[in-house]
PDB file of N, CA and C in Angstrom:
ATOM      1  N   MET A   1     -80.070 105.743 -35.935  1.00  0.00           N
ATOM      2  CA  MET A   1     -81.358 106.348 -36.059  1.00  0.00           C
ATOM      3  C   MET A   1     -81.977 107.017 -35.028  1.00  0.00           C
ATOM      4  N   TYR A   2     -82.466 108.005 -35.324  1.00  0.00           N
ATOM      5  CA  TYR A   2     -82.897 108.792 -34.033  1.00  0.00           C
ATOM      6  C   TYR A   2     -84.594 108.601 -33.773  1.00  0.00           C
ATOM      7  N   ASP A   3     -85.085 108.647 -32.679  1.00  0.00           N
ATOM      8  CA  ASP A   3     -86.396 108.752 -32.358  1.00  0.00           C
ATOM      9  C   ASP A   3     -87.227 109.842 -32.704  1.00  0.00           C
ATOM     10  N   VAL A   4     -86.701 110.835 -33.112  1.00  0.00           N
ATOM     11  CA  VAL A   4     -87.394 111.906 -33.498  1.00  0.00           C
ATOM     12  C   VAL A   4     -86.934 112.721 -34.704  1.00  0.00           C
ATOM     13  N   CYS A   5     -87.446 113.432 -35.296  1.00  0.00           N
ATOM     14  CA  CYS A   5     -87.049 114.203 -36.742  1.00  0.00           C
ATOM     15  C   CYS A   5     -85.949 115.052 -36.394  1.00  0.00           C
ATOM     16  N   GLN A   6     -84.782 114.822 -36.970  1.00  0.00           N
ATOM     17  CA  GLN A   6     -83.753 116.086 -36.600  1.00  0.00           C
ATOM     18  C   GLN A   6     -83.941 117.373 -37.233  1.00  0.00           C
ATOM     19  N   SER A   7     -85.204 117.778 -37.947  1.00  0.00           N
ATOM     20  CA  SER A   7     -85.316 118.980 -38.332  1.00  0.00           C
ATOM     21  C   SER A   7     -86.545 119.581 -37.585  1.00  0.00           C
ATOM     22  N   CYS A   8     -87.757 118.984 -37.243  1.00  0.00           N
ATOM     23  CA  CYS A   8     -88.851 119.236 -36.414  1.00  0.00           C
ATOM     24  C   CYS A   8     -88.985 118.948 -35.081  1.00  0.00           C
ATOM     25  N   GLY A   9     -88.176 117.909 -34.890  1.00  0.00           N
ATOM     26  CA  GLY A   9     -88.044 117.767 -33.307  1.00  0.00           C
ATOM     27  C   GLY A   9     -89.138 116.767 -32.854  1.00  0.00           C
ATOM     28  N   LEU A  10     -90.167 116.226 -33.623  1.00  0.00           N
ATOM     29  CA  LEU A  10     -91.433 115.358 -33.467  1.00  0.00           C
ATOM     30  C   LEU A  10     -90.991 114.240 -33.621  1.00  0.00           C
ATOM     31  N   PRO A  11     -91.619 113.098 -33.090  1.00  0.00           N
ATOM     32  CA  PRO A  11     -91.433 111.569 -33.490  1.00  0.00           C
ATOM     33  C   PRO A  11     -91.752 111.270 -34.883  1.00  0.00           C
ATOM     34  N   HIS A  12     -91.058 110.570 -35.418  1.00  0.00           N
ATOM     35  CA  HIS A  12     -91.381 110.024 -37.007  1.00  0.00           C
ATOM     36  C   HIS A  12     -92.456 109.157 -37.046  1.00  0.00           C
ATOM     37  N   MET A  13     -92.908 108.351 -36.232  1.00  0.00           N
ATOM     38  CA  MET A  13     -94.233 107.916 -36.499  1.00  0.00           C
ATOM     39  C   MET A  13     -94.230 106.808 -37.675  1.00  0.00           C
ATOM     40  N   ASN A  14     -92.925 106.377 -38.120  1.00  0.00           N
ATOM     41  CA  ASN A  14     -92.878 105.745 -39.405  1.00  0.00           C
ATOM     42  C   ASN A  14     -93.202 106.567 -40.633  1.00  0.00           C
ATOM     43  N   GLN A  15     -92.962 107.958 -40.519  1.00  0.00           N
ATOM     44  CA  GLN A  15     -93.454 108.856 -41.665  1.00  0.00           C
ATOM     45  C   GLN A  15     -91.970 109.428 -42.064  1.00  0.00           C
ATOM     46  N   PHE A  16     -91.085 108.795 -42.784  1.00  0.00           N
ATOM     47  CA  PHE A  16     -89.675 108.877 -43.072  1.00  0.00           C
ATOM     48  C   PHE A  16     -89.675 109.807 -44.154  1.00  0.00           C
ATOM     49  N   GLY A  17     -88.522 110.620 -44.252  1.00  0.00           N
ATOM     50  CA  GLY A  17     -88.194 111.321 -45.544  1.00  0.00           C
ATOM     51  C   GLY A  17     -87.780 110.761 -46.412  1.00  0.00           C
ATOM     52  N   THR A  18     -87.289 111.248 -48.085  1.00  0.00           N
ATOM     53  CA  THR A  18     -86.608 110.323 -48.720  1.00  0.00           C
ATOM     54  C   THR A  18     -85.439 111.086 -49.075  1.00  0.00           C
ATOM     55  N   GLU A  19     -84.215 110.159 -49.468  1.00  0.00           N
ATOM     56  CA  GLU A  19     -83.138 110.900 -49.881  1.00  0.00           C
ATOM     57  C   GLU A  19     -83.381 111.128 -51.391  1.00  0.00           C
ATOM     58  N   ALA A  20     -82.004 111.805 -52.140  1.00  0.00           N
ATOM     59  CA  ALA A  20     -82.111 112.160 -53.510  1.00  0.00           C
ATOM     60  C   ALA A  20     -82.480 110.612 -54.245  1.00  0.00           C
ATOM     61  N   ASN A  21     -81.827 109.927 -54.174  1.00  0.00           N
ATOM     62  CA  ASN A  21     -81.886 108.356 -54.550  1.00  0.00           C
ATOM     63  C   ASN A  21     -83.181 107.684 -54.360  1.00  0.00           C
ATOM     64  N   GLN A  22     -84.090 108.546 -53.410  1.00  0.00           N
ATOM     65  CA  GLN A  22     -85.286 107.605 -53.185  1.00  0.00           C
ATOM     66  C   GLN A  22     -85.356 106.796 -52.096  1.00  0.00           C
ATOM     67  N   ARG A  23     -83.945 106.591 -51.126  1.00  0.00           N
ATOM     68  CA  ARG A  23     -83.774 105.678 -50.157  1.00  0.00           C
ATOM     69  C   ARG A  23     -84.511 106.592 -48.904  1.00  0.00           C
ATOM     70  N   VAL A  24     -84.939 105.792 -47.995  1.00  0.00           N
ATOM     71  CA  VAL A  24     -85.482 106.313 -46.641  1.00  0.00           C
ATOM     72  C   VAL A  24     -84.655 106.892 -45.818  1.00  0.00           C
ATOM     73  N   SER A  25     -84.837 108.365 -45.488  1.00  0.00           N
ATOM     74  CA  SER A  25     -83.852 108.859 -44.718  1.00  0.00           C
ATOM     75  C   SER A  25     -84.430 108.271 -43.174  1.00  0.00           C
ATOM     76  N   ASN A  26     -83.348 108.338 -42.437  1.00  0.00           N
ATOM     77  CA  ASN A  26     -83.668 107.571 -41.090  1.00  0.00           C
ATOM     78  C   ASN A  26     -83.429 108.652 -40.136  1.00  0.00           C
ATOM     79  N   ILE A  27     -83.240 110.028 -40.672  1.00  0.00           N
ATOM     80  CA  ILE A  27     -82.901 111.178 -39.860  1.00  0.00           C
ATOM     81  C   ILE A  27     -84.067 112.092 -39.762  1.00  0.00           C
ATOM     82  N   TYR A  28     -84.673 112.415 -41.029  1.00  0.00           N
ATOM     83  CA  TYR A  28     -85.818 113.503 -40.991  1.00  0.00           C
ATOM     84  C   TYR A  28     -86.960 112.535 -41.526  1.00  0.00           C
ATOM     85  N   CYS A  29     -88.394 113.298 -41.291  1.00  0.00           N
ATOM     86  CA  CYS A  29     -89.592 112.907 -41.487  1.00  0.00           C
ATOM     87  C   CYS A  29     -90.132 113.314 -42.825  1.00  0.00           C
ATOM     88  N   ARG A  30     -91.106 112.904 -43.001  1.00  0.00           N
ATOM     89  CA  ARG A  30     -91.433 113.269 -44.696  1.00  0.00           C
ATOM     90  C   ARG A  30     -92.092 114.490 -44.528  1.00  0.00           C
ATOM     91  N   HIS A  31     -92.490 115.312 -43.614  1.00  0.00           N
ATOM     92  CA  HIS A  31     -92.971 116.465 -43.522  1.00  0.00           C
ATOM     93  C   HIS A  31     -92.071 117.711 -43.929  1.00  0.00           C
ATOM     94  N   CYS A  32     -90.711 117.303 -43.579  1.00  0.00           N
ATOM     95  CA  CYS A  32     -89.502 118.005 -43.284  1.00  0.00           C
ATOM     96  C   CYS A  32     -88.519 117.842 -44.633  1.00  0.00           C
ATOM     97  N   TYR A  33     -88.699 116.656 -45.156  1.00  0.00           N
ATOM     98  CA  TYR A  33     -87.450 116.398 -46.249  1.00  0.00           C
ATOM     99  C   TYR A  33     -88.098 115.322 -47.067  1.00  0.00           C
ATOM    100  N   GLN A  34     -87.685 115.744 -48.250  1.00  0.00           N
ATOM    101  CA  GLN A  34     -88.095 114.758 -49.347  1.00  0.00           C
ATOM    102  C   GLN A  34     -87.409 114.965 -50.748  1.00  0.00           C
ATOM    103  N   ASP A  35     -86.998 113.997 -51.273  1.00  0.00           N
ATOM    104  CA  ASP A  35     -85.978 114.042 -52.336  1.00  0.00           C
ATOM    105  C   ASP A  35     -84.551 114.379 -52.039  1.00  0.00           C
ATOM    106  N   GLY A  36     -84.132 114.351 -50.885  1.00  0.00           N
ATOM    107  CA  GLY A  36     -82.867 114.791 -50.331  1.00  0.00           C
ATOM    108  C   GLY A  36     -82.784 116.222 -50.121  1.00  0.00           C
ATOM    109  N   GLU A  37     -83.820 117.032 -49.959  1.00  0.00           N
ATOM    110  CA  GLU A  37     -84.048 118.350 -49.649  1.00  0.00           C
ATOM    111  C   GLU A  37     -84.872 118.705 -48.803  1.00  0.00           C
ATOM    112  N   PHE A  38     -84.846 119.814 -47.707  1.00  0.00           N
ATOM    113  CA  PHE A  38     -85.717 120.203 -46.801  1.00  0.00           C
ATOM    114  C   PHE A  38     -86.885 120.896 -47.750  1.00  0.00           C
ATOM    115  N   ILE A  39     -88.118 120.351 -47.285  1.00  0.00           N
ATOM    116  CA  ILE A  39     -89.384 121.165 -48.060  1.00  0.00           C
ATOM    117  C   ILE A  39     -89.507 122.649 -47.791  1.00  0.00           C
ATOM    118  N   ASP A  40     -88.911 123.026 -46.593  1.00  0.00           N
ATOM    119  CA  ASP A  40     -89.041 124.434 -46.245  1.00  0.00           C
ATOM    120  C   ASP A  40     -87.503 124.749 -45.822  1.00  0.00           C
ATOM    121  N   ALA A  41     -86.868 125.312 -46.816  1.00  0.00           N
ATOM    122  CA  ALA A  41     -85.455 125.112 -46.395  1.00  0.00           C
ATOM    123  C   ALA A  41     -85.302 126.539 -45.822  1.00  0.00           C
ATOM    124  N   ALA A  42     -85.992 127.510 -46.183  1.00  0.00           N
ATOM    125  CA  ALA A  42     -85.680 128.849 -45.542  1.00  0.00           C
ATOM    126  C   ALA A  42     -86.328 128.987 -44.097  1.00  0.00           C
ATOM    127  N   ILE A  43     -87.140 128.132 -43.405  1.00  0.00           N
ATOM    128  CA  ILE A  43     -87.929 128.256 -42.281  1.00  0.00           C
ATOM    129  C   ILE A  43     -86.833 128.431 -41.264  1.00  0.00           C
ATOM    130  N   THR A  44     -87.291 129.346 -40.303  1.00  0.00           N
ATOM    131  CA  THR A  44     -86.519 129.881 -39.157  1.00  0.00           C
ATOM    132  C   THR A  44     -86.755 128.744 -37.948  1.00  0.00           C
ATOM    133  N   PHE A  45     -85.868 128.891 -36.955  1.00  0.00           N
ATOM    134  CA  PHE A  45     -85.949 128.027 -35.750  1.00  0.00           C
ATOM    135  C   PHE A  45     -87.393 128.363 -35.143  1.00  0.00           C
ATOM    136  N   ASN A  46     -87.720 129.725 -34.908  1.00  0.00           N
ATOM    137  CA  ASN A  46     -89.068 130.071 -34.296  1.00  0.00           C
ATOM    138  C   ASN A  46     -90.064 129.714 -35.142  1.00  0.00           C
ATOM    139  N   GLU A  47     -90.174 129.692 -36.607  1.00  0.00           N
ATOM    140  CA  GLU A  47     -91.116 129.306 -37.016  1.00  0.00           C
ATOM    141  C   GLU A  47     -91.615 128.008 -37.142  1.00  0.00           C
ATOM    142  N   MET A  48     -90.334 127.096 -36.873  1.00  0.00           N
ATOM    143  CA  MET A  48     -90.247 125.806 -36.771  1.00  0.00           C
ATOM    144  C   MET A  48     -91.024 125.186 -35.372  1.00  0.00           C
ATOM    145  N   LYS A  49     -90.785 126.104 -34.339  1.00  0.00           N
ATOM    146  CA  LYS A  49     -91.276 125.785 -33.144  1.00  0.00           C
ATOM    147  C   LYS A  49     -92.539 126.060 -33.150  1.00  0.00           C
ATOM    148  N   VAL A  50     -93.030 127.146 -33.797  1.00  0.00           N
ATOM    149  CA  VAL A  50     -94.503 127.352 -33.877  1.00  0.00           C
ATOM    150  C   VAL A  50     -95.039 126.362 -34.365  1.00  0.00           C
ATOM    151  N   ARG A  51     -94.503 125.722 -35.698  1.00  0.00           N
ATOM    152  CA  ARG A  51     -95.323 124.823 -36.322  1.00  0.00           C
ATOM    153  C   ARG A  51     -95.506 123.549 -35.477  1.00  0.00           C
ATOM    154  N   GLY A  52     -94.300 123.240 -34.720  1.00  0.00           N
ATOM    155  CA  GLY A  52     -94.289 122.093 -33.912  1.00  0.00           C
ATOM    156  C   GLY A  52     -95.254 121.996 -32.666  1.00  0.00           C
ATOM    157  N   LEU A  53     -95.364 123.172 -32.254  1.00  0.00           N
ATOM    158  CA  LEU A  53     -96.327 123.333 -31.091  1.00  0.00           C
ATOM    159  C   LEU A  53     -97.832 123.368 -31.553  1.00  0.00           C
ATOM    160  N   ALA A  54     -98.175 123.636 -32.910  1.00  0.00           N
ATOM    161  CA  ALA A  54     -99.415 123.624 -33.400  1.00  0.00           C
ATOM    162  C   ALA A  54     -99.553 121.838 -33.456  1.00  0.00           C
ATOM    163  N   ILE A  55     -98.883 121.233 -34.080  1.00  0.00           N
ATOM    164  CA  ILE A  55     -98.993 119.947 -34.401  1.00  0.00           C
ATOM    165  C   ILE A  55     -99.084 119.236 -32.942  1.00  0.00           C
ATOM    166  N   ILE A  56     -98.469 119.403 -32.011  1.00  0.00           N
ATOM    167  CA  ILE A  56     -98.642 118.833 -30.689  1.00  0.00           C
ATOM    168  C   ILE A  56    -100.040 119.205 -30.182  1.00  0.00           C
ATOM    169  N   ASP A  57    -100.655 120.327 -30.421  1.00  0.00           N
ATOM    170  CA  ASP A  57    -101.866 120.781 -29.868  1.00  0.00           C
ATOM    171  C   ASP A  57    -102.981 120.069 -30.989  1.00  0.00           C
ATOM    172  N   GLN A  58    -102.681 119.205 -31.974  1.00  0.00           N
ATOM    173  CA  GLN A  58    -103.677 118.382 -32.763  1.00  0.00           C
ATOM    174  C   GLN A  58    -103.565 116.961 -32.703  1.00  0.00           C
ATOM    175  N   LEU A  59    -102.484 116.594 -31.610  1.00  0.00           N
ATOM    176  CA  LEU A  59    -102.452 115.118 -31.359  1.00  0.00           C
ATOM    177  C   LEU A  59    -103.751 114.769 -30.596  1.00  0.00           C
ATOM    178  N   ASN A  60    -103.848 113.504 -30.675  1.00  0.00           N
ATOM    179  CA  ASN A  60    -105.068 112.712 -30.434  1.00  0.00           C
ATOM    180  C   ASN A  60    -104.659 112.232 -28.688  1.00  0.00           C
ATOM    181  N   THR A  61    -104.413 113.162 -27.860  1.00  0.00           N
ATOM    182  CA  THR A  61    -103.500 112.503 -26.478  1.00  0.00           C
ATOM    183  C   THR A  61    -104.336 113.475 -25.512  1.00  0.00           C
ATOM    184  N   SER A  62    -104.035 113.222 -24.187  1.00  0.00           N
ATOM    185  CA  SER A  62    -104.640 113.837 -23.284  1.00  0.00           C
ATOM    186  C   SER A  62    -103.923 115.420 -23.031  1.00  0.00           C
ATOM    187  N   LYS A  63    -104.786 116.296 -22.225  1.00  0.00           N
ATOM    188  CA  LYS A  63    -104.296 117.483 -22.175  1.00  0.00           C
ATOM    189  C   LYS A  63    -102.871 117.308 -21.284  1.00  0.00           C
ATOM    190  N   LEU A  64    -102.905 116.720 -20.461  1.00  0.00           N
ATOM    191  CA  LEU A  64    -101.542 116.654 -19.749  1.00  0.00           C
ATOM    192  C   LEU A  64    -100.590 116.277 -20.524  1.00  0.00           C
ATOM    193  N   LYS A  65    -100.679 115.302 -21.289  1.00  0.00           N
ATOM    194  CA  LYS A  65     -99.580 115.022 -22.198  1.00  0.00           C
ATOM    195  C   LYS A  65     -99.083 116.055 -23.010  1.00  0.00           C
ATOM    196  N   LYS A  66    -100.200 116.608 -23.717  1.00  0.00           N
ATOM    197  CA  LYS A  66     -99.777 117.675 -24.488  1.00  0.00           C
ATOM    198  C   LYS A  66     -98.931 118.639 -23.687  1.00  0.00           C
ATOM    199  N   ARG A  67     -99.351 119.141 -22.834  1.00  0.00           N
ATOM    200  CA  ARG A  67     -98.777 120.185 -21.997  1.00  0.00           C
ATOM    201  C   ARG A  67     -97.351 119.662 -21.656  1.00  0.00           C
ATOM    202  N   PHE A  68     -97.141 118.573 -21.311  1.00  0.00           N
ATOM    203  CA  PHE A  68     -95.592 117.939 -21.081  1.00  0.00           C
ATOM    204  C   PHE A  68     -94.949 117.892 -22.344  1.00  0.00           C
ATOM    205  N   MET A  69     -95.468 117.800 -23.419  1.00  0.00           N
ATOM    206  CA  MET A  69     -94.694 117.839 -24.568  1.00  0.00           C
ATOM    207  C   MET A  69     -94.428 119.140 -24.989  1.00  0.00           C
ATOM    208  N   LYS A  70     -95.324 120.268 -24.880  1.00  0.00           N
ATOM    209  CA  LYS A  70     -95.132 121.644 -25.228  1.00  0.00           C
ATOM    210  C   LYS A  70     -94.186 122.169 -24.475  1.00  0.00           C
ATOM    211  N   PHE A  71     -93.980 121.679 -23.240  1.00  0.00           N
ATOM    212  CA  PHE A  71     -92.886 122.323 -22.297  1.00  0.00           C
ATOM    213  C   PHE A  71     -91.472 121.682 -22.637  1.00  0.00           C
ATOM    214  N   PHE A  72     -91.407 120.479 -22.921  1.00  0.00           N
ATOM    215  CA  PHE A  72     -90.102 120.326 -23.357  1.00  0.00           C
ATOM    216  C   PHE A  72     -89.620 120.335 -24.709  1.00  0.00           C
ATOM    217  N   TYR A  73     -90.799 120.487 -25.599  1.00  0.00           N
ATOM    218  CA  TYR A  73     -90.332 120.690 -27.043  1.00  0.00           C
ATOM    219  C   TYR A  73     -89.214 121.533 -27.674  1.00  0.00           C
ATOM    220  N   PRO A  74     -89.409 122.826 -27.143  1.00  0.00           N
ATOM    221  CA  PRO A  74     -88.358 123.798 -27.612  1.00  0.00           C
ATOM    222  C   PRO A  74     -86.864 123.213 -27.249  1.00  0.00           C
ATOM    223  N   GLY A  75     -86.709 122.657 -26.146  1.00  0.00           N
ATOM    224  CA  GLY A  75     -85.369 122.321 -25.810  1.00  0.00           C
ATOM    225  C   GLY A  75     -85.158 120.957 -26.669  1.00  0.00           C
ATOM    226  N   VAL A  76     -85.900 119.982 -26.959  1.00  0.00           N
ATOM    227  CA  VAL A  76     -85.755 118.992 -28.120  1.00  0.00           C
ATOM    228  C   VAL A  76     -85.332 119.482 -29.449  1.00  0.00           C
ATOM    229  N   LEU A  77     -86.178 120.589 -29.585  1.00  0.00           N
ATOM    230  CA  LEU A  77     -86.128 121.100 -31.054  1.00  0.00           C
ATOM    231  C   LEU A  77     -84.406 121.678 -31.152  1.00  0.00           C
ATOM    232  N   LYS A  78     -84.082 122.404 -30.197  1.00  0.00           N
ATOM    233  CA  LYS A  78     -82.555 123.208 -30.144  1.00  0.00           C
ATOM    234  C   LYS A  78     -81.576 121.911 -30.507  1.00  0.00           C
ATOM    235  N   ARG A  79     -81.713 120.924 -29.668  1.00  0.00           N
ATOM    236  CA  ARG A  79     -80.588 119.870 -29.895  1.00  0.00           C
ATOM    237  C   ARG A  79     -80.661 118.820 -31.227  1.00  0.00           C
ATOM    238  N   THR A  80     -81.631 119.095 -32.050  1.00  0.00           N
ATOM    239  CA  THR A  80     -81.853 118.486 -33.394  1.00  0.00           C
ATOM    240  C   THR A  80     -80.515 118.809 -34.449  1.00  0.00           C
ATOM    241  N   GLU A  81     -80.036 118.131 -35.168  1.00  0.00           N
ATOM    242  CA  GLU A  81     -78.940 118.215 -36.025  1.00  0.00           C
ATOM    243  C   GLU A  81     -79.365 119.591 -36.861  1.00  0.00           C
ATOM    244  N   ARG A  82     -80.337 119.650 -37.264  1.00  0.00           N
ATOM    245  CA  ARG A  82     -80.664 120.878 -38.286  1.00  0.00           C
ATOM    246  C   ARG A  82     -80.277 122.211 -37.369  1.00  0.00           C
ATOM    247  N   TRP A  83     -80.859 122.265 -36.070  1.00  0.00           N
ATOM    248  CA  TRP A  83     -80.803 123.726 -35.587  1.00  0.00           C
ATOM    249  C   TRP A  83     -79.465 123.842 -34.795  1.00  0.00           C
ATOM    250  N   ARG A  84     -78.893 122.485 -34.463  1.00  0.00           N
ATOM    251  CA  ARG A  84     -77.454 122.608 -33.597  1.00  0.00           C
ATOM    252  C   ARG A  84     -76.587 123.118 -34.651  1.00  0.00           C
ATOM    253  N   LYS A  85     -76.432 122.787 -35.846  1.00  0.00           N
ATOM    254  CA  LYS A  85     -75.610 123.269 -36.748  1.00  0.00           C
ATOM    255  C   LYS A  85     -75.647 124.740 -37.062  1.00  0.00           C
ATOM    256  N   ARG A  86     -76.526 125.374 -36.948  1.00  0.00           N
ATOM    257  CA  ARG A  86     -77.138 126.745 -37.060  1.00  0.00           C
ATOM    258  C   ARG A  86     -76.546 127.721 -36.275  1.00  0.00           C
ATOM    259  N   LYS A  87     -75.993 127.099 -35.083  1.00  0.00           N
ATOM    260  CA  LYS A  87     -75.345 128.187 -34.147  1.00  0.00           C
ATOM    261  C   LYS A  87     -74.196 128.563 -34.039  1.00  0.00           C
TER     262      LYS A  87
END
């Protein structure tokens, strides 16, 4: 099991996606993956990065923590299963 979604690179926060057989996916979050398929299969790495950074901006946490997360986010995203395979 991963601490972050292996598609968007954000923490799961107990919001897991589902496989085709409706089992819970311990790899992807529900915002990226449902019924065994990516919700937005055609999204590019840069589009995912922009989406993730926007989500970080909306988190209810300190500005310092958001800054820290935004600094490291692109590197985390690059190492996820979804984007590592595309290189």
